[in-house]
Amino acid sequence: MAKKSDKEQEAVLPKEFSNLKEKHPDALLLFREGDFYRLYKEDAVKAALILGIATADKLTSGIDKKIRTVEFPRIALDTYLPKLIRAGARVAICDRLEVVEKIRKHEEPTQSNNTDMAKKKKEKAVQEEPAKTVMNAAGEKPAKEKKAETQTEAKSGQKAETKQECVPHEPQMVTSSGEKVTHAHAYQSKANPEEWYFTARMDGKPLKPQLMDAADLAACQKKEMTVSQLMERYYPTKLMPKVSEEAFKMPKSIAGPEGNISVEKFNVYKEKDEQRADYGKYKFYAQIGDSKMSAVASRQDLNAYFDRVMTPAQLVEKNFGERLHLKSAYEKYQLPEGIDPKGVRVAKDHADNKWKVSVDMGDKGRTTRHEISFDDGYSLFKTKTATREQIAAKYLNTEITGMLAAKSVKAEKSASMKR
């Protein structure tokens, strides 16, 4: 029997991929095909994301539909294998062993008195031995040989990875501060295969992996998002310019409604009181004059603090501004377009003696009366750093938006019925 052609091998390999995948579902199967290494189906998608190379839909002989593949030159194995290993992937290299060539290579010439018929039978039996694709890590070999081979491969892999680490990596991007971003890639969670994470190294230091949004993952797989865009999305504070160390020294002075306010202390701590609703969360602590304040910190603000892109004074203004009655703290509250400010009413409810805000929206209806906090009432009436419209927007914008949407739907239904 003649040696199988490349096209015949291409028809066999996808089937062999499925068979080997059933035995080794957690491994990436790397098939050696001539001067290239190729991965199939889900292995191709995972490897493409880690290595940053494009996949292709390959029409394989003997198969009616296309299958997803990715490949790279054999000489690039020492570069790509360490990347796969560092990303946490388990890799099994699959080589084709042509039995006929192996036997011919190692067979020594011997003298024989066999007849020509016997020789032909022997050669035919050898030639009809099928060509096999075996996994280096799971070949049918004696236990001692398999153990020795596994140890050799492990050492080779470690040596290749060590060698790769010694070679300086070209940065995939450079930040405005001159920091170099390398090893930026997406990888799949082992614990939950549905989750994908994005991570990178900055000046050689690994960044904490960030859970990827489904839309971002799809864009990443299609190479529609660059490393710069992914960094901006998942590590925005890493790209911002840093403030000086001098700006972090205490005390600091910020402009208050009735003169300067002194910030004596500012730091971060984790709530350890199990009786509190915010137990286990990270919080900002600030001592402002004689007052002590704390507030749960958002992840964005925590990153801004630790990456030193926002000063303590800025974080105090952002997280404690309303309690300090700062005018800047209320500027973010704006009523939706089209709402008449004259409809805003802030009055004391004589039933419970509490100050409440409501908005009369004319033909669109009237909102409920919502109680306002002492700090907001003080900012409105005493320091006059907040307006009635801003107070209404803070408490009632969600309700107002819902009422506007309901009115719009009602108008559309009415117009439809008239037609």
Protein backbone atom coordinates (compact mmCIF):
# COMPACT_ATOMS: atom_id res chain seq x y z
CA MET A 1 0.00 0.00 0.00
CA ALA A 2 1.32 3.45 -0.89
CA LYS A 3 1.99 6.11 1.72
CA LYS A 4 -1.01 8.34 2.48
CA SER A 5 -1.10 11.66 0.66
CA ASP A 6 -1.35 15.00 2.46
CA LYS A 7 -5.03 15.28 1.45
CA GLU A 8 -5.78 11.83 2.89
CA GLN A 9 -4.05 12.83 6.12
CA GLU A 10 -6.13 16.03 6.26
CA ALA A 11 -9.29 13.92 6.10
CA VAL A 12 -8.08 11.68 8.95
CA LEU A 13 -6.77 14.35 11.36
CA PRO A 14 -10.10 15.98 12.36
CA LYS A 15 -11.45 12.53 13.25
CA GLU A 16 -8.31 11.75 15.23
CA PHE A 17 -8.71 15.16 16.94
CA SER A 18 -12.18 14.15 18.13
CA ASN A 19 -10.97 10.77 19.38
CA LEU A 20 -8.01 12.25 21.28
CA LYS A 21 -10.14 15.13 22.61
CA GLU A 22 -12.45 12.62 24.31
CA LYS A 23 -9.45 11.16 26.16
CA HIS A 24 -7.80 14.52 26.94
CA PRO A 25 -10.58 17.19 27.10
CA ASP A 26 -8.50 19.64 29.14
CA ALA A 27 -5.51 19.70 26.76
CA LEU A 28 -4.82 21.77 23.64
CA LEU A 29 -3.97 19.26 20.89
CA LEU A 30 -1.12 20.59 18.76
CA PHE A 31 -0.84 18.55 15.52
CA ARG A 32 2.44 18.50 13.58
CA GLU A 33 1.73 18.67 9.85
CA GLY A 34 4.83 19.04 7.76
CA ASP A 35 6.47 22.40 8.52
CA PHE A 36 3.48 23.65 10.55
CA TYR A 37 1.66 22.98 13.78
CA ARG A 38 -2.13 23.15 13.61
CA LEU A 39 -5.01 23.24 16.15
CA TYR A 40 -8.65 22.44 15.43
CA LYS A 41 -12.10 23.63 16.53
CA GLU A 42 -12.33 24.94 20.13
CA ASP A 43 -8.57 24.45 20.60
CA ALA A 44 -7.95 26.78 17.66
CA VAL A 45 -10.12 29.54 19.16
CA LYS A 46 -8.44 29.34 22.58
CA ALA A 47 -4.92 29.27 21.14
CA ALA A 48 -5.64 32.17 18.77
CA LEU A 49 -6.69 34.39 21.66
CA ILE A 50 -3.63 33.53 23.73
CA LEU A 51 -1.13 33.82 20.88
CA GLY A 52 -2.76 36.76 19.11
CA ILE A 53 -2.97 35.04 15.72
CA ALA A 54 -5.93 34.70 13.35
CA THR A 55 -8.06 31.60 12.88
CA ALA A 56 -9.31 30.29 9.54
CA ASP A 57 -12.24 28.18 8.34
CA LYS A 58 -10.65 25.20 6.59
CA LEU A 59 -12.54 22.95 4.19
CA THR A 60 -11.02 19.53 4.90
CA SER A 61 -11.13 16.64 2.43
CA GLY A 62 -13.81 14.09 3.27
CA ILE A 63 -15.81 16.58 5.43
CA ASP A 64 -18.91 18.38 4.19
CA LYS A 65 -18.51 21.47 6.39
CA LYS A 66 -15.68 23.81 7.27
CA ILE A 67 -13.91 23.58 10.64
CA ARG A 68 -12.05 26.31 12.54
CA THR A 69 -8.26 25.96 12.51
CA VAL A 70 -5.18 27.95 13.45
CA GLU A 71 -1.60 27.18 12.53
CA PHE A 72 1.94 28.50 12.89
CA PRO A 73 5.35 27.47 11.48
CA ARG A 74 7.22 24.62 13.19
CA ILE A 75 10.19 26.91 13.85
CA ALA A 76 7.93 29.15 15.98
CA LEU A 77 7.19 26.39 18.51
CA ASP A 78 9.83 27.64 20.98
CA THR A 79 8.12 31.02 20.95
CA TYR A 80 4.45 29.99 21.12
CA LEU A 81 4.65 26.95 23.44
CA PRO A 82 5.88 28.99 26.46
CA LYS A 83 3.08 31.53 25.85
CA LEU A 84 0.46 28.78 25.99
CA ILE A 85 1.99 27.33 29.15
CA ARG A 86 2.20 30.72 30.90
CA ALA A 87 -1.49 31.32 30.08
CA GLY A 88 -2.31 28.18 32.08
CA ALA A 89 -3.00 25.91 29.11
CA ARG A 90 -2.10 22.19 29.12
CA VAL A 91 -0.56 21.34 25.75
CA ALA A 92 -0.18 17.95 24.09
CA ILE A 93 1.93 17.77 20.91
CA CYS A 94 0.68 15.21 18.39
CA ASP A 95 3.15 13.89 15.79
CA ARG A 96 2.44 11.62 12.82
CA LEU A 97 4.64 8.53 12.87
CA GLU A 98 4.95 6.86 9.49
CA VAL A 99 5.57 3.27 10.46
CA VAL A 100 6.97 2.35 7.06
CA GLU A 101 9.58 5.11 7.21
CA LYS A 102 10.44 4.28 10.82
CA ILE A 103 11.00 0.61 10.06
CA ARG A 104 13.03 1.36 6.94
CA LYS A 105 15.18 3.83 8.87
CA HIS A 106 16.04 1.47 11.70
CA GLU A 107 15.97 -1.88 9.81
CA GLU A 108 19.44 -3.36 9.36
CA PRO A 109 20.25 -5.32 6.18
CA THR A 110 20.27 -9.07 6.79
CA GLN A 111 20.99 -12.14 4.69
CA SER A 112 17.92 -14.25 4.00
CA ASN A 113 17.20 -17.41 2.01
CA ASN A 114 13.45 -16.66 1.90
CA THR A 115 11.77 -16.92 -1.45
CA ASP A 116 10.59 -13.85 -3.35
CA MET A 117 7.02 -14.73 -2.37
CA ALA A 118 7.85 -14.63 1.35
CA LYS A 119 9.62 -11.28 0.95
CA LYS A 120 6.62 -9.80 -0.86
CA LYS A 121 4.24 -10.98 1.88
CA LYS A 122 6.45 -9.47 4.55
CA GLU A 123 6.77 -6.14 2.67
CA LYS A 124 3.03 -6.06 2.05
CA ALA A 125 2.27 -6.60 5.71
CA VAL A 126 4.63 -3.78 6.64
CA GLN A 127 3.26 -1.40 4.05
CA GLU A 128 -0.37 -2.02 5.07
CA GLU A 129 0.38 -1.03 8.66
CA PRO A 130 -1.65 2.23 9.00
CA ALA A 131 0.05 5.55 9.67
CA LYS A 132 -0.74 6.77 13.20
CA THR A 133 -1.08 10.08 14.95
CA VAL A 134 -0.02 9.78 18.59
CA MET A 135 0.21 12.24 21.44
CA ASN A 136 3.69 12.68 22.84
CA ALA A 137 2.24 12.79 26.32
CA ALA A 138 -0.04 9.76 25.89
CA GLY A 139 1.57 7.38 23.37
CA GLU A 140 1.23 3.61 23.68
CA LYS A 141 4.71 2.92 25.06
CA PRO A 142 6.16 0.95 27.98
CA ALA A 143 5.81 2.60 31.40
CA LYS A 144 9.55 3.27 31.82
CA GLU A 145 9.85 4.75 28.34
CA LYS A 146 6.75 6.92 28.85
CA LYS A 147 8.08 8.18 32.18
CA ALA A 148 11.48 9.03 30.71
CA GLU A 149 9.86 10.73 27.72
CA THR A 150 7.52 12.77 29.94
CA GLN A 151 10.42 13.93 32.11
CA THR A 152 12.42 14.87 29.01
CA GLU A 153 9.49 16.85 27.58
CA ALA A 154 8.92 18.64 30.89
CA LYS A 155 12.57 19.66 31.05
CA SER A 156 12.48 20.77 27.43
CA GLY A 157 9.36 22.83 28.08
CA GLN A 158 10.90 24.45 31.15
CA LYS A 159 14.09 25.15 29.25
CA ALA A 160 12.15 26.71 26.37
CA GLU A 161 10.09 28.83 28.77
CA THR A 162 13.19 29.97 30.67
CA LYS A 163 14.87 30.83 27.41
CA GLN A 164 11.77 32.77 26.31
CA GLU A 165 11.65 34.75 29.56
CA CYS A 166 15.25 35.79 29.12
CA VAL A 167 14.50 37.41 25.78
CA PRO A 168 13.16 40.98 26.20
CA HIS A 169 9.57 41.25 24.91
CA GLU A 170 8.68 44.08 22.61
CA PRO A 171 5.96 46.19 24.29
CA GLN A 172 2.48 45.84 22.82
CA MET A 173 1.90 49.45 23.84
CA VAL A 174 3.61 52.24 25.80
CA THR A 175 1.59 54.44 28.18
CA SER A 176 1.80 58.22 28.40
CA SER A 177 4.04 57.74 31.46
CA GLY A 178 6.45 55.56 29.47
CA GLU A 179 5.41 52.26 31.07
CA LYS A 180 5.63 49.25 28.77
CA VAL A 181 2.66 46.91 28.40
CA THR A 182 3.50 43.33 27.38
CA HIS A 183 1.85 39.89 27.46
CA ALA A 184 -1.61 41.44 27.01
CA HIS A 185 -4.03 38.61 26.20
CA ALA A 186 -7.41 37.03 26.98
CA TYR A 187 -7.70 33.57 28.53
CA GLN A 188 -10.47 31.19 29.54
CA SER A 189 -11.22 30.36 33.17
CA LYS A 190 -10.47 26.77 34.17
CA ALA A 191 -13.06 26.82 36.97
CA ASN A 192 -15.81 28.29 34.76
CA PRO A 193 -15.22 27.86 30.98
CA GLU A 194 -17.92 30.46 30.24
CA GLU A 195 -15.78 33.18 31.80
CA TRP A 196 -12.89 34.87 29.99
CA TYR A 197 -10.38 37.24 31.54
CA PHE A 198 -8.10 39.93 30.17
CA THR A 199 -4.69 40.52 31.72
CA ALA A 200 -1.31 42.04 30.89
CA ARG A 201 2.09 42.87 32.31
CA MET A 202 3.23 46.43 32.88
CA ASP A 203 6.96 46.96 33.21
CA GLY A 204 7.24 43.23 33.95
CA LYS A 205 4.65 43.23 36.76
CA PRO A 206 1.45 41.19 36.21
CA LEU A 207 -1.85 43.04 36.47
CA LYS A 208 -4.86 41.55 38.24
CA PRO A 209 -7.01 39.72 35.63
CA GLN A 210 -10.31 41.41 34.79
CA LEU A 211 -13.51 39.57 33.83
CA MET A 212 -14.32 40.37 30.20
CA ASP A 213 -17.64 41.59 28.88
CA ALA A 214 -19.21 39.25 26.28
CA ALA A 215 -19.20 41.97 23.62
CA ASP A 216 -15.54 42.75 24.28
CA LEU A 217 -14.64 39.06 24.05
CA ALA A 218 -16.37 38.76 20.68
CA ALA A 219 -14.58 41.87 19.42
CA CYS A 220 -11.28 40.53 20.73
CA GLN A 221 -11.78 37.20 18.95
CA LYS A 222 -12.48 39.05 15.71
CA LYS A 223 -9.47 41.33 16.32
CA GLU A 224 -11.74 44.35 16.32
CA MET A 225 -10.27 45.67 19.61
CA THR A 226 -6.63 46.66 19.99
CA VAL A 227 -4.48 46.21 23.07
CA SER A 228 -4.76 49.95 23.71
CA GLN A 229 -8.56 49.78 23.64
CA LEU A 230 -8.63 46.76 25.96
CA MET A 231 -6.26 48.45 28.39
CA GLU A 232 -8.43 51.58 28.34
CA ARG A 233 -11.46 49.42 29.03
CA TYR A 234 -10.11 47.24 31.85
CA TYR A 235 -7.19 49.21 33.31
CA PRO A 236 -8.07 52.89 32.71
CA THR A 237 -6.21 54.23 35.76
CA LYS A 238 -3.01 52.48 34.60
CA LEU A 239 -2.98 54.76 31.57
CA MET A 240 -3.69 58.04 33.36
CA PRO A 241 -0.90 60.47 34.29
CA LYS A 242 0.20 60.15 37.92
CA VAL A 243 0.02 63.02 40.39
CA SER A 244 3.05 64.07 42.44
CA GLU A 245 3.90 62.46 45.78
CA GLU A 246 3.65 65.91 47.34
CA ALA A 247 -0.10 65.92 46.61
CA PHE A 248 -0.53 62.87 48.87
CA LYS A 249 0.98 64.46 51.96
CA MET A 250 -1.38 65.50 54.78
CA PRO A 251 -2.93 67.80 55.78
CA LYS A 252 -4.63 69.24 52.71
CA SER A 253 -6.97 72.15 52.32
CA ILE A 254 -10.04 72.21 50.07
CA ALA A 255 -12.53 75.02 49.42
CA GLY A 256 -15.70 74.65 51.46
CA PRO A 257 -19.00 76.56 51.41
CA GLU A 258 -17.96 78.77 54.34
CA GLY A 259 -14.16 78.86 53.89
CA ASN A 260 -11.35 76.33 53.56
CA ILE A 261 -11.75 72.80 54.96
CA SER A 262 -8.70 70.96 56.32
CA VAL A 263 -8.30 67.25 55.47
CA GLU A 264 -6.17 65.89 58.34
CA LYS A 265 -6.13 62.19 57.40
CA PHE A 266 -7.15 60.01 54.47
CA ASN A 267 -6.64 56.27 53.96
CA VAL A 268 -8.24 52.98 52.93
CA TYR A 269 -9.37 50.16 55.21
CA LYS A 270 -11.44 46.97 55.04
CA GLU A 271 -14.58 46.84 57.19
CA LYS A 272 -14.15 44.12 59.83
CA ASP A 273 -17.35 44.62 61.80
CA GLU A 274 -19.55 41.63 60.91
CA GLN A 275 -22.65 43.42 62.18
CA ARG A 276 -22.40 46.09 59.49
CA ALA A 277 -24.08 45.79 56.11
CA ASP A 278 -20.82 46.78 54.37
CA TYR A 279 -18.76 44.08 56.16
CA GLY A 280 -15.76 42.94 54.08
CA LYS A 281 -15.83 45.93 51.74
CA TYR A 282 -13.04 48.45 51.23
CA LYS A 283 -13.82 51.95 52.52
CA PHE A 284 -12.30 55.41 52.50
CA TYR A 285 -11.68 57.03 55.87
CA ALA A 286 -11.25 60.77 56.21
CA GLN A 287 -10.71 63.08 59.18
CA ILE A 288 -11.88 66.53 58.17
CA GLY A 289 -11.38 69.05 60.91
CA ASP A 290 -12.95 67.48 64.00
CA SER A 291 -15.27 65.22 61.98
CA LYS A 292 -14.51 61.60 61.04
CA MET A 293 -16.17 60.11 57.97
CA SER A 294 -16.14 56.82 56.07
CA ALA A 295 -17.74 55.62 52.84
CA VAL A 296 -17.64 52.44 50.75
CA ALA A 297 -15.10 52.95 47.96
CA SER A 298 -15.86 52.02 44.37
CA ARG A 299 -13.34 49.88 42.51
CA GLN A 300 -12.64 52.76 40.14
CA ASP A 301 -11.82 55.12 43.03
CA LEU A 302 -9.69 52.47 44.77
CA ASN A 303 -7.66 51.99 41.59
CA ALA A 304 -7.34 55.75 41.22
CA TYR A 305 -6.01 55.99 44.79
CA PHE A 306 -3.51 53.10 44.58
CA ASP A 307 -2.37 54.07 41.08
CA ARG A 308 -1.95 57.66 42.31
CA VAL A 309 -3.94 59.31 39.55
CA MET A 310 -6.29 61.13 41.96
CA THR A 311 -5.26 63.03 45.09
CA PRO A 312 -6.84 62.46 48.52
CA ALA A 313 -8.39 65.93 48.24
CA GLN A 314 -10.10 64.98 44.98
CA LEU A 315 -11.34 61.68 46.45
CA VAL A 316 -12.66 63.48 49.54
CA GLU A 317 -14.56 65.90 47.31
CA LYS A 318 -16.00 63.05 45.25
CA ASN A 319 -16.94 60.68 48.11
CA PHE A 320 -17.80 63.13 50.91
CA GLY A 321 -18.75 66.26 48.95
CA GLU A 322 -22.46 66.14 49.75
CA ARG A 323 -21.79 65.63 53.46
CA LEU A 324 -19.44 68.62 53.33
CA HIS A 325 -22.06 70.66 51.41
CA LEU A 326 -19.73 71.34 48.49
CA LYS A 327 -21.28 73.00 45.44
CA SER A 328 -19.27 70.78 43.08
CA ALA A 329 -20.86 67.67 44.60
CA TYR A 330 -24.33 68.60 43.25
CA GLU A 331 -23.35 69.67 39.75
CA LYS A 332 -23.75 66.11 38.45
CA TYR A 333 -27.51 66.11 39.18
CA GLN A 334 -29.57 67.48 36.27
CA LEU A 335 -33.29 67.07 35.47
CA PRO A 336 -34.19 65.41 32.14
CA GLU A 337 -34.71 67.74 29.20
CA GLY A 338 -38.20 69.16 28.94
CA ILE A 339 -38.99 69.20 32.68
CA ASP A 340 -40.10 72.64 33.85
CA PRO A 341 -38.06 73.68 36.94
CA LYS A 342 -41.12 75.62 38.17
CA GLY A 343 -42.79 72.27 38.87
CA VAL A 344 -40.21 71.33 41.53
CA ARG A 345 -41.53 71.67 45.07
CA VAL A 346 -39.63 71.14 48.37
CA ALA A 347 -41.84 71.37 51.44
CA LYS A 348 -42.29 70.00 54.94
CA ASP A 349 -44.80 67.16 55.24
CA HIS A 350 -46.96 68.07 58.27
CA ALA A 351 -47.93 64.43 58.72
CA ASP A 352 -44.38 63.38 59.76
CA ASN A 353 -42.66 66.77 59.93
CA LYS A 354 -40.04 65.76 57.27
CA TRP A 355 -38.84 67.76 54.27
CA LYS A 356 -39.79 66.17 50.96
CA VAL A 357 -39.33 66.94 47.25
CA SER A 358 -41.77 66.35 44.38
CA VAL A 359 -42.17 67.43 40.74
CA ASP A 360 -45.38 68.47 38.98
CA MET A 361 -44.95 67.44 35.31
CA GLY A 362 -48.21 68.91 34.02
CA ASP A 363 -50.08 66.56 31.70
CA LYS A 364 -47.42 63.89 32.29
CA GLY A 365 -48.40 63.55 35.94
CA ARG A 366 -46.92 64.27 39.33
CA THR A 367 -44.17 62.35 41.10
CA THR A 368 -44.34 60.95 44.61
CA ARG A 369 -43.04 63.03 47.53
CA HIS A 370 -39.55 61.82 48.45
CA GLU A 371 -37.87 62.57 51.78
CA ILE A 372 -34.51 64.37 51.54
CA SER A 373 -31.54 63.89 53.89
CA PHE A 374 -30.41 66.37 56.53
CA ASP A 375 -27.18 67.06 54.56
CA ASP A 376 -29.15 67.85 51.38
CA GLY A 377 -31.56 70.08 53.29
CA TYR A 378 -28.61 71.91 54.87
CA SER A 379 -26.99 72.36 51.42
CA LEU A 380 -30.28 73.66 50.01
CA PHE A 381 -31.41 76.03 52.77
CA LYS A 382 -28.29 76.90 54.79
CA THR A 383 -25.20 76.95 52.57
CA LYS A 384 -27.24 77.30 49.33
CA THR A 385 -24.74 75.09 47.47
CA ALA A 386 -27.55 72.94 46.01
CA THR A 387 -30.60 74.03 43.98
CA ARG A 388 -34.14 72.64 44.14
CA GLU A 389 -33.70 71.23 40.64
CA GLN A 390 -30.55 69.37 41.66
CA ILE A 391 -32.24 67.93 44.77
CA ALA A 392 -35.20 66.81 42.64
CA ALA A 393 -32.88 65.21 40.08
CA LYS A 394 -30.97 63.34 42.80
CA TYR A 395 -34.07 61.70 44.27
CA LEU A 396 -36.60 61.58 41.43
CA ASN A 397 -34.80 61.22 38.09
CA THR A 398 -35.49 57.48 37.86
CA GLU A 399 -39.20 58.01 38.53
CA ILE A 400 -39.36 60.95 36.12
CA THR A 401 -37.71 58.97 33.32
CA GLY A 402 -40.20 56.14 33.81
CA MET A 403 -43.15 58.50 33.68
CA LEU A 404 -41.86 60.12 30.47
CA ALA A 405 -41.41 56.70 28.84
CA ALA A 406 -44.93 55.61 29.86
CA LYS A 407 -46.41 58.82 28.46
CA SER A 408 -44.59 58.29 25.17
CA VAL A 409 -45.88 54.69 24.83
CA LYS A 410 -49.43 55.82 25.62
CA ALA A 411 -49.24 58.54 22.96
CA GLU A 412 -47.99 56.03 20.35
CA LYS A 413 -50.85 53.61 21.13
CA SER A 414 -53.38 56.42 20.86
CA ALA A 415 -51.98 57.51 17.49
CA SER A 416 -52.04 53.91 16.25
CA MET A 417 -55.71 53.45 17.21
CA LYS A 418 -56.73 56.62 15.33
CA ARG A 419 -55.25 55.23 12.12
